[in-house]
Amino acid sequence: DNELNSVYFAYGTKEELMDNDVIQKKGGVLGVGAVKSLKND
């Protein structure tokens, strides 16, 4: 029951989240137009 009701949150600047392997940039050309998304791992 506790596990089913467990949730997780994280926040910070995009640089902080990228440095801590939470998000990544996907798509775009040379970094332009890239979309930020949650990393698979």
Full PDB file with SEQRES, HELIX, SHEET, SSBOND, CRYST1, ORIGX, SCALE, CONECT and MASTER records, all heavy atoms in Angstrom:
SEQRES   1 A   41  ASP ASN GLU LEU ASN SER VAL TYR PHE ALA TYR GLY THR          
SEQRES   2 A   41  LYS GLU GLU LEU MET ASP ASN ASP VAL ILE GLN LYS LYS          
SEQRES   3 A   41  GLY GLY VAL LEU GLY VAL GLY ALA VAL LYS SER LEU LYS          
SEQRES   4 A   41  ASN ASP                                                      
HELIX    1 AA1 LYS A   14  ASP A   19  1                                   6    
SHEET    1 AA1 2 ILE A  23  LYS A  26  0                                        
SHEET    2 AA1 2 VAL A  35  LEU A  38 -1                                        
CRYST1    1.000    1.000    1.000  90.00  90.00  90.00 P 1           1          
ORIGX1      1.000000  0.000000  0.000000        0.00000                         
ORIGX2      0.000000  1.000000  0.000000        0.00000                         
ORIGX3      0.000000  0.000000  1.000000        0.00000                         
SCALE1      1.000000  0.000000  0.000000        0.00000                         
SCALE2      0.000000  1.000000  0.000000        0.00000                         
SCALE3      0.000000  0.000000  1.000000        0.00000                         
ATOM      1  N   ASP A   1       0.828  -1.202   0.000  1.00  0.00           N  
ATOM      2  CA  ASP A   1       0.000   0.000   0.000  1.00  0.00           C  
ATOM      3  C   ASP A   1       0.865   1.257   0.000  1.00  0.00           C  
ATOM      4  O   ASP A   1       0.594   2.213  -0.729  1.00  0.00           O  
ATOM      5  CB  ASP A   1      -0.913  -0.015   1.233  1.00  0.00           C  
ATOM      6  CG  ASP A   1      -1.977   1.070   1.167  1.00  0.00           C  
ATOM      7  OD1 ASP A   1      -2.608   1.206   0.105  1.00  0.00           O  
ATOM      8  OD2 ASP A   1      -2.165   1.775   2.161  1.00  0.00           O  
ATOM      9  N   ASN A   2       1.919   1.233   0.819  1.00  0.00           N  
ATOM     10  CA  ASN A   2       2.830   2.380   0.865  1.00  0.00           C  
ATOM     11  C   ASN A   2       3.529   2.584  -0.471  1.00  0.00           C  
ATOM     12  O   ASN A   2       3.733   3.715  -0.912  1.00  0.00           O  
ATOM     13  CB  ASN A   2       3.864   2.189   1.974  1.00  0.00           C  
ATOM     14  CG  ASN A   2       3.261   2.333   3.359  1.00  0.00           C  
ATOM     15  OD1 ASN A   2       2.190   2.919   3.523  1.00  0.00           O  
ATOM     16  ND2 ASN A   2       3.931   1.791   4.356  1.00  0.00           N  
ATOM     17  N   GLU A   3       3.906   1.453  -1.091  1.00  0.00           N  
ATOM     18  CA  GLU A   3       4.596   1.560  -2.377  1.00  0.00           C  
ATOM     19  C   GLU A   3       3.661   2.110  -3.451  1.00  0.00           C  
ATOM     20  O   GLU A   3       4.062   2.932  -4.285  1.00  0.00           O  
ATOM     21  CB  GLU A   3       5.132   0.188  -2.800  1.00  0.00           C  
ATOM     22  CG  GLU A   3       6.074   0.237  -3.993  1.00  0.00           C  
ATOM     23  CD  GLU A   3       7.283   1.128  -3.741  1.00  0.00           C  
ATOM     24  OE1 GLU A   3       7.792   1.165  -2.602  1.00  0.00           O  
ATOM     25  OE2 GLU A   3       7.707   1.818  -4.699  1.00  0.00           O  
ATOM     26  N   LEU A   4       2.400   1.661  -3.436  1.00  0.00           N  
ATOM     27  CA  LEU A   4       1.427   2.145  -4.413  1.00  0.00           C  
ATOM     28  C   LEU A   4       1.148   3.637  -4.235  1.00  0.00           C  
ATOM     29  O   LEU A   4       0.804   4.334  -5.198  1.00  0.00           O  
ATOM     30  CB  LEU A   4       0.114   1.365  -4.294  1.00  0.00           C  
ATOM     31  CG  LEU A   4       0.138  -0.080  -4.800  1.00  0.00           C  
ATOM     32  CD1 LEU A   4      -1.162  -0.784  -4.445  1.00  0.00           C  
ATOM     33  CD2 LEU A   4       0.354  -0.119  -6.313  1.00  0.00           C  
ATOM     34  N   ASN A   5       1.303   4.130  -3.023  1.00  0.00           N  
ATOM     35  CA  ASN A   5       1.041   5.541  -2.743  1.00  0.00           C  
ATOM     36  C   ASN A   5       2.312   6.376  -2.662  1.00  0.00           C  
ATOM     37  O   ASN A   5       2.271   7.525  -2.233  1.00  0.00           O  
ATOM     38  CB  ASN A   5       0.255   5.676  -1.435  1.00  0.00           C  
ATOM     39  CG  ASN A   5      -1.193   5.237  -1.567  1.00  0.00           C  
ATOM     40  OD1 ASN A   5      -2.011   5.924  -2.163  1.00  0.00           O  
ATOM     41  ND2 ASN A   5      -1.507   4.076  -1.034  1.00  0.00           N  
ATOM     42  N   SER A   6       3.429   5.786  -3.074  1.00  0.00           N  
ATOM     43  CA  SER A   6       4.691   6.523  -3.070  1.00  0.00           C  
ATOM     44  C   SER A   6       4.858   7.283  -4.381  1.00  0.00           C  
ATOM     45  O   SER A   6       4.635   6.733  -5.462  1.00  0.00           O  
ATOM     46  CB  SER A   6       5.873   5.562  -2.889  1.00  0.00           C  
ATOM     47  OG  SER A   6       5.846   4.977  -1.608  1.00  0.00           O  
ATOM     48  N   VAL A   7       5.203   8.551  -4.268  1.00  0.00           N  
ATOM     49  CA  VAL A   7       5.481   9.380  -5.445  1.00  0.00           C  
ATOM     50  C   VAL A   7       6.836  10.063  -5.256  1.00  0.00           C  
ATOM     51  O   VAL A   7       7.358  10.124  -4.139  1.00  0.00           O  
ATOM     52  CB  VAL A   7       4.370  10.431  -5.672  1.00  0.00           C  
ATOM     53  CG1 VAL A   7       3.070   9.758  -6.076  1.00  0.00           C  
ATOM     54  CG2 VAL A   7       4.154  11.276  -4.420  1.00  0.00           C  
ATOM     55  N   TYR A   8       7.400  10.552  -6.354  1.00  0.00           N  
ATOM     56  CA  TYR A   8       8.760  11.081  -6.313  1.00  0.00           C  
ATOM     57  C   TYR A   8       8.805  12.402  -7.087  1.00  0.00           C  
ATOM     58  O   TYR A   8       8.182  12.526  -8.148  1.00  0.00           O  
ATOM     59  CB  TYR A   8       9.718  10.082  -6.952  1.00  0.00           C  
ATOM     60  CG  TYR A   8       9.593   8.676  -6.382  1.00  0.00           C  
ATOM     61  CD1 TYR A   8       8.583   7.815  -6.840  1.00  0.00           C  
ATOM     62  CD2 TYR A   8      10.451   8.222  -5.397  1.00  0.00           C  
ATOM     63  CE1 TYR A   8       8.454   6.537  -6.311  1.00  0.00           C  
ATOM     64  CE2 TYR A   8      10.324   6.940  -4.873  1.00  0.00           C  
ATOM     65  CZ  TYR A   8       9.317   6.105  -5.338  1.00  0.00           C  
ATOM     66  OH  TYR A   8       9.184   4.845  -4.822  1.00  0.00           O  
ATOM     67  N   PHE A   9       9.523  13.363  -6.539  1.00  0.00           N  
ATOM     68  CA  PHE A   9       9.637  14.628  -7.255  1.00  0.00           C  
ATOM     69  C   PHE A   9      11.072  15.133  -7.212  1.00  0.00           C  
ATOM     70  O   PHE A   9      11.848  14.830  -6.310  1.00  0.00           O  
ATOM     71  CB  PHE A   9       8.672  15.688  -6.687  1.00  0.00           C  
ATOM     72  CG  PHE A   9       9.027  16.190  -5.319  1.00  0.00           C  
ATOM     73  CD1 PHE A   9       9.931  17.242  -5.155  1.00  0.00           C  
ATOM     74  CD2 PHE A   9       8.452  15.639  -4.188  1.00  0.00           C  
ATOM     75  CE1 PHE A   9      10.262  17.719  -3.893  1.00  0.00           C  
ATOM     76  CE2 PHE A   9       8.779  16.102  -2.917  1.00  0.00           C  
ATOM     77  CZ  PHE A   9       9.680  17.149  -2.776  1.00  0.00           C  
ATOM     78  N   ALA A  10      11.397  15.906  -8.245  1.00  0.00           N  
ATOM     79  CA  ALA A  10      12.717  16.549  -8.327  1.00  0.00           C  
ATOM     80  C   ALA A  10      12.540  17.854  -9.089  1.00  0.00           C  
ATOM     81  O   ALA A  10      11.710  17.954  -9.993  1.00  0.00           O  
ATOM     82  CB  ALA A  10      13.709  15.639  -9.050  1.00  0.00           C  
ATOM     83  N   TYR A  11      13.306  18.869  -8.692  1.00  0.00           N  
ATOM     84  CA  TYR A  11      13.235  20.133  -9.419  1.00  0.00           C  
ATOM     85  C   TYR A  11      14.601  20.802  -9.390  1.00  0.00           C  
ATOM     86  O   TYR A  11      15.471  20.498  -8.563  1.00  0.00           O  
ATOM     87  CB  TYR A  11      12.165  21.064  -8.840  1.00  0.00           C  
ATOM     88  CG  TYR A  11      12.395  21.485  -7.413  1.00  0.00           C  
ATOM     89  CD1 TYR A  11      13.174  22.609  -7.122  1.00  0.00           C  
ATOM     90  CD2 TYR A  11      11.820  20.781  -6.361  1.00  0.00           C  
ATOM     91  CE1 TYR A  11      13.387  23.004  -5.815  1.00  0.00           C  
ATOM     92  CE2 TYR A  11      12.025  21.163  -5.053  1.00  0.00           C  
ATOM     93  CZ  TYR A  11      12.817  22.283  -4.780  1.00  0.00           C  
ATOM     94  OH  TYR A  11      13.028  22.665  -3.483  1.00  0.00           O  
ATOM     95  N   GLY A  12      14.767  21.718 -10.314  1.00  0.00           N  
ATOM     96  CA  GLY A  12      16.024  22.456 -10.440  1.00  0.00           C  
ATOM     97  C   GLY A  12      16.111  23.060 -11.826  1.00  0.00           C  
ATOM     98  O   GLY A  12      15.217  22.866 -12.669  1.00  0.00           O  
ATOM     99  N   THR A  13      17.159  23.765 -12.082  1.00  0.00           N  
ATOM    100  CA  THR A  13      17.356  24.312 -13.428  1.00  0.00           C  
ATOM    101  C   THR A  13      17.658  23.153 -14.377  1.00  0.00           C  
ATOM    102  O   THR A  13      18.022  22.053 -13.941  1.00  0.00           O  
ATOM    103  CB  THR A  13      18.519  25.307 -13.444  1.00  0.00           C  
ATOM    104  OG1 THR A  13      19.733  24.613 -13.122  1.00  0.00           O  
ATOM    105  CG2 THR A  13      18.280  26.435 -12.447  1.00  0.00           C  
ATOM    106  N   LYS A  14      17.526  23.413 -15.680  1.00  0.00           N  
ATOM    107  CA  LYS A  14      17.774  22.336 -16.638  1.00  0.00           C  
ATOM    108  C   LYS A  14      19.225  21.854 -16.547  1.00  0.00           C  
ATOM    109  O   LYS A  14      19.503  20.658 -16.715  1.00  0.00           O  
ATOM    110  CB  LYS A  14      17.434  22.788 -18.059  1.00  0.00           C  
ATOM    111  CG  LYS A  14      18.286  23.924 -18.594  1.00  0.00           C  
ATOM    112  CD  LYS A  14      17.838  24.292 -20.002  1.00  0.00           C  
ATOM    113  CE  LYS A  14      18.690  25.461 -20.546  1.00  0.00           C  
ATOM    114  NZ  LYS A  14      18.267  25.854 -21.916  1.00  0.00           N  
ATOM    115  N   GLU A  15      20.139  22.792 -16.258  1.00  0.00           N  
ATOM    116  CA  GLU A  15      21.544  22.391 -16.126  1.00  0.00           C  
ATOM    117  C   GLU A  15      21.730  21.449 -14.924  1.00  0.00           C  
ATOM    118  O   GLU A  15      22.432  20.447 -15.005  1.00  0.00           O  
ATOM    119  CB  GLU A  15      22.440  23.624 -15.955  1.00  0.00           C  
ATOM    120  CG  GLU A  15      22.594  24.488 -17.207  1.00  0.00           C  
ATOM    121  CD  GLU A  15      21.390  25.401 -17.426  1.00  0.00           C  
ATOM    122  OE1 GLU A  15      20.541  25.519 -16.496  1.00  0.00           O  
ATOM    123  OE2 GLU A  15      21.275  25.974 -18.527  1.00  0.00           O  
ATOM    124  N   GLU A  16      21.077  21.802 -13.799  1.00  0.00           N  
ATOM    125  CA  GLU A  16      21.176  20.950 -12.609  1.00  0.00           C  
ATOM    126  C   GLU A  16      20.595  19.567 -12.866  1.00  0.00           C  
ATOM    127  O   GLU A  16      21.184  18.540 -12.488  1.00  0.00           O  
ATOM    128  CB  GLU A  16      20.442  21.605 -11.433  1.00  0.00           C  
ATOM    129  CG  GLU A  16      21.122  22.851 -10.888  1.00  0.00           C  
ATOM    130  CD  GLU A  16      20.283  23.574  -9.851  1.00  0.00           C  
ATOM    131  OE1 GLU A  16      19.043  23.382  -9.845  1.00  0.00           O  
ATOM    132  OE2 GLU A  16      20.857  24.319  -9.049  1.00  0.00           O  
ATOM    133  N   LEU A  17      19.464  19.534 -13.535  1.00  0.00           N  
ATOM    134  CA  LEU A  17      18.809  18.257 -13.798  1.00  0.00           C  
ATOM    135  C   LEU A  17      19.597  17.423 -14.804  1.00  0.00           C  
ATOM    136  O   LEU A  17      19.668  16.189 -14.676  1.00  0.00           O  
ATOM    137  CB  LEU A  17      17.379  18.491 -14.292  1.00  0.00           C  
ATOM    138  CG  LEU A  17      16.430  19.141 -13.267  1.00  0.00           C  
ATOM    139  CD1 LEU A  17      15.089  19.454 -13.905  1.00  0.00           C  
ATOM    140  CD2 LEU A  17      16.233  18.229 -12.058  1.00  0.00           C  
ATOM    141  N   MET A  18      20.217  18.084 -15.782  1.00  0.00           N  
ATOM    142  CA  MET A  18      21.038  17.349 -16.745  1.00  0.00           C  
ATOM    143  C   MET A  18      22.311  16.839 -16.084  1.00  0.00           C  
ATOM    144  O   MET A  18      22.732  15.701 -16.316  1.00  0.00           O  
ATOM    145  CB  MET A  18      21.370  18.247 -17.941  1.00  0.00           C  
ATOM    146  CG  MET A  18      20.169  18.524 -18.846  1.00  0.00           C  
ATOM    147  SD  MET A  18      20.546  19.641 -20.227  1.00  0.00           S  
ATOM    148  CE  MET A  18      21.680  18.613 -21.184  1.00  0.00           C  
ATOM    149  N   ASP A  19      22.926  17.670 -15.258  1.00  0.00           N  
ATOM    150  CA  ASP A  19      24.155  17.255 -14.566  1.00  0.00           C  
ATOM    151  C   ASP A  19      23.906  16.064 -13.636  1.00  0.00           C  
ATOM    152  O   ASP A  19      24.816  15.268 -13.382  1.00  0.00           O  
ATOM    153  CB  ASP A  19      24.733  18.420 -13.759  1.00  0.00           C  
ATOM    154  CG  ASP A  19      25.306  19.512 -14.647  1.00  0.00           C  
ATOM    155  OD1 ASP A  19      25.548  19.226 -15.848  1.00  0.00           O  
ATOM    156  OD2 ASP A  19      25.480  20.643 -14.151  1.00  0.00           O  
ATOM    157  N   ASN A  20      22.701  15.941 -13.140  1.00  0.00           N  
ATOM    158  CA  ASN A  20      22.373  14.852 -12.216  1.00  0.00           C  
ATOM    159  C   ASN A  20      21.636  13.702 -12.907  1.00  0.00           C  
ATOM    160  O   ASN A  20      20.989  12.875 -12.256  1.00  0.00           O  
ATOM    161  CB  ASN A  20      21.524  15.388 -11.063  1.00  0.00           C  
ATOM    162  CG  ASN A  20      22.344  16.193 -10.079  1.00  0.00           C  
ATOM    163  OD1 ASN A  20      23.043  15.632  -9.238  1.00  0.00           O  
ATOM    164  ND2 ASN A  20      22.272  17.526 -10.192  1.00  0.00           N  
ATOM    165  N   ASP A  21      21.755  13.660 -14.251  1.00  0.00           N  
ATOM    166  CA  ASP A  21      21.219  12.539 -15.054  1.00  0.00           C  
ATOM    167  C   ASP A  21      19.729  12.323 -14.865  1.00  0.00           C  
ATOM    168  O   ASP A  21      19.246  11.186 -14.748  1.00  0.00           O  
ATOM    169  CB  ASP A  21      21.963  11.247 -14.719  1.00  0.00           C  
ATOM    170  CG  ASP A  21      23.417  11.304 -15.135  1.00  0.00           C  
ATOM    171  OD1 ASP A  21      23.708  11.899 -16.194  1.00  0.00           O  
ATOM    172  OD2 ASP A  21      24.263  10.752 -14.401  1.00  0.00           O  
ATOM    173  N   VAL A  22      18.989  13.429 -14.819  1.00  0.00           N  
ATOM    174  CA  VAL A  22      17.543  13.324 -14.719  1.00  0.00           C  
ATOM    175  C   VAL A  22      16.897  13.564 -16.077  1.00  0.00           C  
ATOM    176  O   VAL A  22      15.997  12.838 -16.497  1.00  0.00           O  
ATOM    177  CB  VAL A  22      16.979  14.317 -13.674  1.00  0.00           C  
ATOM    178  CG1 VAL A  22      15.444  14.267 -13.642  1.00  0.00           C  
ATOM    179  CG2 VAL A  22      17.532  13.999 -12.287  1.00  0.00           C  
ATOM    180  N   ILE A  23      17.361  14.609 -16.798  1.00  0.00           N  
ATOM    181  CA  ILE A  23      16.789  14.926 -18.105  1.00  0.00           C  
ATOM    182  C   ILE A  23      17.884  14.926 -19.156  1.00  0.00           C  
ATOM    183  O   ILE A  23      19.083  14.894 -18.864  1.00  0.00           O  
ATOM    184  CB  ILE A  23      16.065  16.297 -18.083  1.00  0.00           C  
ATOM    185  CG1 ILE A  23      17.082  17.423 -17.831  1.00  0.00           C  
ATOM    186  CG2 ILE A  23      14.954  16.309 -17.029  1.00  0.00           C  
ATOM    187  CD1 ILE A  23      16.477  18.821 -17.968  1.00  0.00           C  
ATOM    188  N   GLN A  24      17.441  14.973 -20.420  1.00  0.00           N  
ATOM    189  CA  GLN A  24      18.362  15.036 -21.560  1.00  0.00           C  
ATOM    190  C   GLN A  24      17.727  15.874 -22.655  1.00  0.00           C  
ATOM    191  O   GLN A  24      16.528  16.147 -22.635  1.00  0.00           O  
ATOM    192  CB  GLN A  24      18.628  13.617 -22.081  1.00  0.00           C  
ATOM    193  CG  GLN A  24      17.362  12.933 -22.607  1.00  0.00           C  
ATOM    194  CD  GLN A  24      17.590  11.513 -23.044  1.00  0.00           C  
ATOM    195  OE1 GLN A  24      18.714  11.051 -23.105  1.00  0.00           O  
ATOM    196  NE2 GLN A  24      16.512  10.806 -23.369  1.00  0.00           N  
ATOM    197  N   LYS A  25      18.549  16.271 -23.623  1.00  0.00           N  
ATOM    198  CA  LYS A  25      18.033  16.974 -24.797  1.00  0.00           C  
ATOM    199  C   LYS A  25      17.917  15.992 -25.943  1.00  0.00           C  
ATOM    200  O   LYS A  25      18.820  15.198 -26.188  1.00  0.00           O  
ATOM    201  CB  LYS A  25      18.954  18.125 -25.176  1.00  0.00           C  
ATOM    202  CG  LYS A  25      18.897  19.318 -24.238  1.00  0.00           C  
ATOM    203  CD  LYS A  25      19.766  20.450 -24.752  1.00  0.00           C  
ATOM    204  CE  LYS A  25      19.685  21.683 -23.847  1.00  0.00           C  
ATOM    205  NZ  LYS A  25      20.519  22.795 -24.351  1.00  0.00           N  
ATOM    206  N   LYS A  26      16.808  16.058 -26.647  1.00  0.00           N  
ATOM    207  CA  LYS A  26      16.592  15.159 -27.780  1.00  0.00           C  
ATOM    208  C   LYS A  26      16.201  15.971 -29.013  1.00  0.00           C  
ATOM    209  O   LYS A  26      15.454  16.941 -28.925  1.00  0.00           O  
ATOM    210  CB  LYS A  26      15.477  14.159 -27.461  1.00  0.00           C  
ATOM    211  CG  LYS A  26      15.842  13.162 -26.368  1.00  0.00           C  
ATOM    212  CD  LYS A  26      14.714  12.212 -26.076  1.00  0.00           C  
ATOM    213  CE  LYS A  26      14.412  11.315 -27.267  1.00  0.00           C  
ATOM    214  NZ  LYS A  26      13.371  10.319 -26.948  1.00  0.00           N  
ATOM    215  N   GLY A  27      16.716  15.526 -30.160  1.00  0.00           N  
ATOM    216  CA  GLY A  27      16.351  16.161 -31.423  1.00  0.00           C  
ATOM    217  C   GLY A  27      17.079  17.470 -31.630  1.00  0.00           C  
ATOM    218  O   GLY A  27      18.025  17.836 -30.918  1.00  0.00           O  
ATOM    219  N   GLY A  28      16.649  18.246 -32.615  1.00  0.00           N  
ATOM    220  CA  GLY A  28      17.262  19.533 -32.924  1.00  0.00           C  
ATOM    221  C   GLY A  28      18.535  19.360 -33.745  1.00  0.00           C  
ATOM    222  O   GLY A  28      19.022  18.248 -33.964  1.00  0.00           O  
ATOM    223  N   VAL A  29      19.053  20.468 -34.190  1.00  0.00           N  
ATOM    224  CA  VAL A  29      20.281  20.486 -34.984  1.00  0.00           C  
ATOM    225  C   VAL A  29      21.310  21.334 -34.250  1.00  0.00           C  
ATOM    226  O   VAL A  29      21.073  22.503 -33.964  1.00  0.00           O  
ATOM    227  CB  VAL A  29      20.026  21.058 -36.394  1.00  0.00           C  
ATOM    228  CG1 VAL A  29      21.335  21.101 -37.190  1.00  0.00           C  
ATOM    229  CG2 VAL A  29      18.977  20.234 -37.124  1.00  0.00           C  
ATOM    230  N   LEU A  30      22.442  20.702 -33.925  1.00  0.00           N  
ATOM    231  CA  LEU A  30      23.513  21.388 -33.201  1.00  0.00           C  
ATOM    232  C   LEU A  30      22.991  22.027 -31.907  1.00  0.00           C  
ATOM    233  O   LEU A  30      23.371  23.130 -31.527  1.00  0.00           O  
ATOM    234  CB  LEU A  30      24.173  22.448 -34.082  1.00  0.00           C  
ATOM    235  CG  LEU A  30      24.852  21.934 -35.361  1.00  0.00           C  
ATOM    236  CD1 LEU A  30      25.381  23.104 -36.188  1.00  0.00           C  
ATOM    237  CD2 LEU A  30      25.974  20.956 -35.017  1.00  0.00           C  
ATOM    238  N   GLY A  31      22.072  21.329 -31.295  1.00  0.00           N  
ATOM    239  CA  GLY A  31      21.531  21.809 -30.019  1.00  0.00           C  
ATOM    240  C   GLY A  31      20.388  22.767 -30.161  1.00  0.00           C  
ATOM    241  O   GLY A  31      19.755  23.140 -29.175  1.00  0.00           O  
ATOM    242  N   VAL A  32      20.115  23.218 -31.407  1.00  0.00           N  
ATOM    243  CA  VAL A  32      19.019  24.175 -31.622  1.00  0.00           C  
ATOM    244  C   VAL A  32      17.726  23.392 -31.852  1.00  0.00           C  
ATOM    245  O   VAL A  32      17.671  22.489 -32.686  1.00  0.00           O  
ATOM    246  CB  VAL A  32      19.298  25.089 -32.833  1.00  0.00           C  
ATOM    247  CG1 VAL A  32      18.122  26.050 -33.049  1.00  0.00           C  
ATOM    248  CG2 VAL A  32      20.596  25.846 -32.623  1.00  0.00           C  
ATOM    249  N   GLY A  33      16.696  23.784 -31.138  1.00  0.00           N  
ATOM    250  CA  GLY A  33      15.403  23.116 -31.282  1.00  0.00           C  
ATOM    251  C   GLY A  33      15.306  21.800 -30.544  1.00  0.00           C  
ATOM    252  O   GLY A  33      14.346  21.055 -30.718  1.00  0.00           O  
ATOM    253  N   ALA A  34      16.305  21.504 -29.733  1.00  0.00           N  
ATOM    254  CA  ALA A  34      16.277  20.255 -28.968  1.00  0.00           C  
ATOM    255  C   ALA A  34      15.178  20.304 -27.911  1.00  0.00           C  
ATOM    256  O   ALA A  34      14.889  21.364 -27.339  1.00  0.00           O  
ATOM    257  CB  ALA A  34      17.623  20.012 -28.309  1.00  0.00           C  
ATOM    258  N   VAL A  35      14.571  19.171 -27.645  1.00  0.00           N  
ATOM    259  CA  VAL A  35      13.486  19.070 -26.675  1.00  0.00           C  
ATOM    260  C   VAL A  35      14.011  18.394 -25.413  1.00  0.00           C  
ATOM    261  O   VAL A  35      14.689  17.369 -25.485  1.00  0.00           O  
ATOM    262  CB  VAL A  35      12.307  18.255 -27.246  1.00  0.00           C  
ATOM    263  CG1 VAL A  35      11.211  18.093 -26.195  1.00  0.00           C  
ATOM    264  CG2 VAL A  35      11.764  18.928 -28.497  1.00  0.00           C  
ATOM    265  N   LYS A  36      13.700  18.967 -24.293  1.00  0.00           N  
ATOM    266  CA  LYS A  36      14.119  18.379 -23.016  1.00  0.00           C  
ATOM    267  C   LYS A  36      13.144  17.266 -22.638  1.00  0.00           C  
ATOM    268  O   LYS A  36      11.923  17.436 -22.758  1.00  0.00           O  
ATOM    269  CB  LYS A  36      14.147  19.451 -21.922  1.00  0.00           C  
ATOM    270  CG  LYS A  36      15.171  20.546 -22.176  1.00  0.00           C  
ATOM    271  CD  LYS A  36      15.167  21.576 -21.087  1.00  0.00           C  
ATOM    272  CE  LYS A  36      13.907  22.447 -21.146  1.00  0.00           C  
ATOM    273  NZ  LYS A  36      13.821  23.289 -22.348  1.00  0.00           N  
ATOM    274  N   SER A  37      13.683  16.143 -22.219  1.00  0.00           N  
ATOM    275  CA  SER A  37      12.841  15.006 -21.825  1.00  0.00           C  
ATOM    276  C   SER A  37      13.507  14.223 -20.697  1.00  0.00           C  
ATOM    277  O   SER A  37      14.708  14.365 -20.451  1.00  0.00           O  
ATOM    278  CB  SER A  37      12.589  14.075 -23.019  1.00  0.00           C  
ATOM    279  OG  SER A  37      13.800  13.469 -23.431  1.00  0.00           O  
ATOM    280  N   LEU A  38      12.719  13.412 -20.050  1.00  0.00           N  
ATOM    281  CA  LEU A  38      13.219  12.565 -18.967  1.00  0.00           C  
ATOM    282  C   LEU A  38      14.069  11.450 -19.561  1.00  0.00           C  
ATOM    283  O   LEU A  38      13.678  10.803 -20.532  1.00  0.00           O  
ATOM    284  CB  LEU A  38      12.034  11.970 -18.197  1.00  0.00           C  
ATOM    285  CG  LEU A  38      12.320  11.287 -16.866  1.00  0.00           C  
ATOM    286  CD1 LEU A  38      12.818  12.289 -15.846  1.00  0.00           C  
ATOM    287  CD2 LEU A  38      11.052  10.605 -16.354  1.00  0.00           C  
ATOM    288  N   LYS A  39      15.240  11.218 -18.997  1.00  0.00           N  
ATOM    289  CA  LYS A  39      16.108  10.151 -19.485  1.00  0.00           C  
ATOM    290  C   LYS A  39      15.474   8.786 -19.210  1.00  0.00           C  
ATOM    291  O   LYS A  39      14.758   8.607 -18.230  1.00  0.00           O  
ATOM    292  CB  LYS A  39      17.478  10.213 -18.806  1.00  0.00           C  
ATOM    293  CG  LYS A  39      18.310  11.433 -19.179  1.00  0.00           C  
ATOM    294  CD  LYS A  39      19.719  11.357 -18.593  1.00  0.00           C  
ATOM    295  CE  LYS A  39      20.526  10.269 -19.288  1.00  0.00           C  
ATOM    296  NZ  LYS A  39      21.947  10.282 -18.854  1.00  0.00           N  
ATOM    297  N   ASN A  40      15.752   7.852 -20.120  1.00  0.00           N  
ATOM    298  CA  ASN A  40      15.206   6.504 -19.929  1.00  0.00           C  
ATOM    299  C   ASN A  40      15.737   5.855 -18.647  1.00  0.00           C  
ATOM    300  O   ASN A  40      15.015   5.163 -17.945  1.00  0.00           O  
ATOM    301  CB  ASN A  40      15.535   5.627 -21.137  1.00  0.00           C  
ATOM    302  CG  ASN A  40      14.783   6.083 -22.382  1.00  0.00           C  
ATOM    303  OD1 ASN A  40      13.690   6.628 -22.279  1.00  0.00           O  
ATOM    304  ND2 ASN A  40      15.370   5.876 -23.545  1.00  0.00           N  
ATOM    305  N   ASP A  41      17.012   6.081 -18.389  1.00  0.00           N  
ATOM    306  CA  ASP A  41      17.643   5.512 -17.191  1.00  0.00           C  
ATOM    307  C   ASP A  41      17.963   6.629 -16.193  1.00  0.00           C  
ATOM    308  O   ASP A  41      19.069   6.716 -15.672  1.00  0.00           O  
ATOM    309  CB  ASP A  41      18.905   4.746 -17.563  1.00  0.00           C  
ATOM    310  CG  ASP A  41      19.898   5.610 -18.344  1.00  0.00           C  
ATOM    311  OD1 ASP A  41      19.485   6.693 -18.807  1.00  0.00           O  
ATOM    312  OD2 ASP A  41      21.076   5.217 -18.458  1.00  0.00           O  
TER     313      ASP A  41                                                      
MASTER        0    0    0    1    2    0    0    6  312    1    0    4          
END                                                                             
